[in-house]
Amino acid sequence: MDISLIKDKDGISATIEDNGKGFNANDKENFEGIGLKILN
């Protein structure tokens, strides 16, 4: 995932991009982080 924040004289713009591969949210046990593991 790539997140960019750019501030200029007109304000702030944000761009969020990913690789489009996705993931299986039902396979929570195989994720290394804690983000999806806390969802029940």
N, C-alpha and C. Protein backbone atom coordinates (compact mmCIF):
# COMPACT_ATOMS: atom_id res chain seq x y z
N MET A 1 0.85 -1.16 0.00
CA MET A 1 0.00 0.00 0.00
C MET A 1 0.89 1.22 0.00
N ASP A 2 0.49 2.21 -0.76
CA ASP A 2 1.23 3.46 -0.87
C ASP A 2 0.27 4.60 -0.55
N ILE A 3 0.61 5.40 0.45
CA ILE A 3 -0.22 6.54 0.85
C ILE A 3 0.61 7.80 0.71
N SER A 4 0.08 8.77 -0.02
CA SER A 4 0.78 10.04 -0.22
C SER A 4 -0.10 11.19 0.25
N LEU A 5 0.49 12.11 0.99
CA LEU A 5 -0.16 13.36 1.38
C LEU A 5 0.67 14.50 0.82
N ILE A 6 0.02 15.40 0.08
CA ILE A 6 0.74 16.53 -0.51
C ILE A 6 0.03 17.81 -0.11
N LYS A 7 0.81 18.73 0.49
CA LYS A 7 0.27 20.03 0.89
C LYS A 7 0.87 21.08 -0.02
N ASP A 8 0.02 21.91 -0.60
CA ASP A 8 0.48 23.04 -1.38
C ASP A 8 -0.37 24.26 -1.07
N LYS A 9 -0.21 25.31 -1.84
CA LYS A 9 -0.93 26.56 -1.54
C LYS A 9 -2.44 26.41 -1.65
N ASP A 10 -2.91 25.40 -2.39
CA ASP A 10 -4.35 25.20 -2.57
C ASP A 10 -4.98 24.29 -1.51
N GLY A 11 -4.16 23.60 -0.72
CA GLY A 11 -4.69 22.72 0.32
C GLY A 11 -3.88 21.43 0.42
N ILE A 12 -4.55 20.36 0.83
CA ILE A 12 -3.91 19.06 1.02
C ILE A 12 -4.64 18.05 0.15
N SER A 13 -3.87 17.21 -0.53
CA SER A 13 -4.47 16.11 -1.29
C SER A 13 -3.89 14.79 -0.82
N ALA A 14 -4.71 13.76 -0.83
CA ALA A 14 -4.29 12.43 -0.40
C ALA A 14 -4.51 11.44 -1.53
N THR A 15 -3.55 10.54 -1.72
CA THR A 15 -3.65 9.47 -2.70
C THR A 15 -3.36 8.15 -2.00
N ILE A 16 -4.24 7.17 -2.18
CA ILE A 16 -4.04 5.85 -1.59
C ILE A 16 -4.08 4.83 -2.73
N GLU A 17 -3.03 4.00 -2.85
CA GLU A 17 -2.94 3.00 -3.90
C GLU A 17 -2.56 1.66 -3.29
N ASP A 18 -3.02 0.57 -3.92
CA ASP A 18 -2.57 -0.76 -3.51
C ASP A 18 -2.26 -1.56 -4.77
N ASN A 19 -1.83 -2.81 -4.58
CA ASN A 19 -1.42 -3.63 -5.71
C ASN A 19 -2.59 -4.38 -6.35
N GLY A 20 -3.79 -4.24 -5.79
CA GLY A 20 -4.97 -4.85 -6.37
C GLY A 20 -5.12 -6.34 -6.13
N LYS A 21 -4.22 -6.95 -5.38
CA LYS A 21 -4.29 -8.40 -5.14
C LYS A 21 -5.35 -8.77 -4.11
N GLY A 22 -5.62 -7.88 -3.19
CA GLY A 22 -6.62 -8.17 -2.15
C GLY A 22 -6.14 -9.22 -1.16
N PHE A 23 -7.04 -9.66 -0.28
CA PHE A 23 -6.75 -10.67 0.72
C PHE A 23 -8.04 -11.29 1.19
N ASN A 24 -7.94 -12.44 1.80
CA ASN A 24 -9.09 -13.14 2.33
C ASN A 24 -9.27 -12.73 3.80
N ALA A 25 -10.29 -11.92 4.09
CA ALA A 25 -10.51 -11.43 5.46
C ALA A 25 -10.91 -12.56 6.40
N ASN A 26 -11.36 -13.70 5.89
CA ASN A 26 -11.72 -14.83 6.74
C ASN A 26 -10.51 -15.62 7.20
N ASP A 27 -9.33 -15.31 6.67
CA ASP A 27 -8.10 -16.03 7.00
C ASP A 27 -7.28 -15.22 8.01
N LYS A 28 -7.94 -14.70 9.06
CA LYS A 28 -7.32 -13.80 10.03
C LYS A 28 -6.13 -14.43 10.76
N GLU A 29 -6.14 -15.71 10.97
CA GLU A 29 -5.08 -16.35 11.75
C GLU A 29 -3.71 -16.28 11.07
N ASN A 30 -3.67 -16.07 9.76
CA ASN A 30 -2.40 -16.06 9.04
C ASN A 30 -1.84 -14.66 8.82
N PHE A 31 -2.48 -13.63 9.39
CA PHE A 31 -1.96 -12.27 9.28
C PHE A 31 -0.97 -12.03 10.41
N GLU A 32 0.14 -11.31 10.09
CA GLU A 32 1.15 -11.04 11.10
C GLU A 32 0.80 -9.84 11.99
N GLY A 33 0.07 -8.87 11.47
CA GLY A 33 -0.28 -7.69 12.24
C GLY A 33 -1.50 -7.95 13.12
N ILE A 34 -1.93 -6.91 13.84
CA ILE A 34 -3.09 -7.08 14.73
C ILE A 34 -4.34 -6.43 14.17
N GLY A 35 -4.25 -5.69 13.08
CA GLY A 35 -5.38 -4.93 12.54
C GLY A 35 -6.62 -5.77 12.31
N LEU A 36 -6.54 -6.84 11.53
CA LEU A 36 -7.71 -7.66 11.24
C LEU A 36 -8.00 -8.68 12.33
N LYS A 37 -7.04 -8.99 13.15
CA LYS A 37 -7.25 -9.99 14.20
C LYS A 37 -8.21 -9.51 15.27
N ILE A 38 -8.33 -8.18 15.45
CA ILE A 38 -9.23 -7.68 16.49
C ILE A 38 -10.67 -7.63 16.04
N LEU A 39 -10.93 -7.86 14.74
CA LEU A 39 -12.31 -7.91 14.23
C LEU A 39 -12.90 -9.26 14.56
N ASN A 40 -14.06 -9.29 15.14
CA ASN A 40 -14.71 -10.56 15.46
C ASN A 40 -15.96 -10.72 14.68
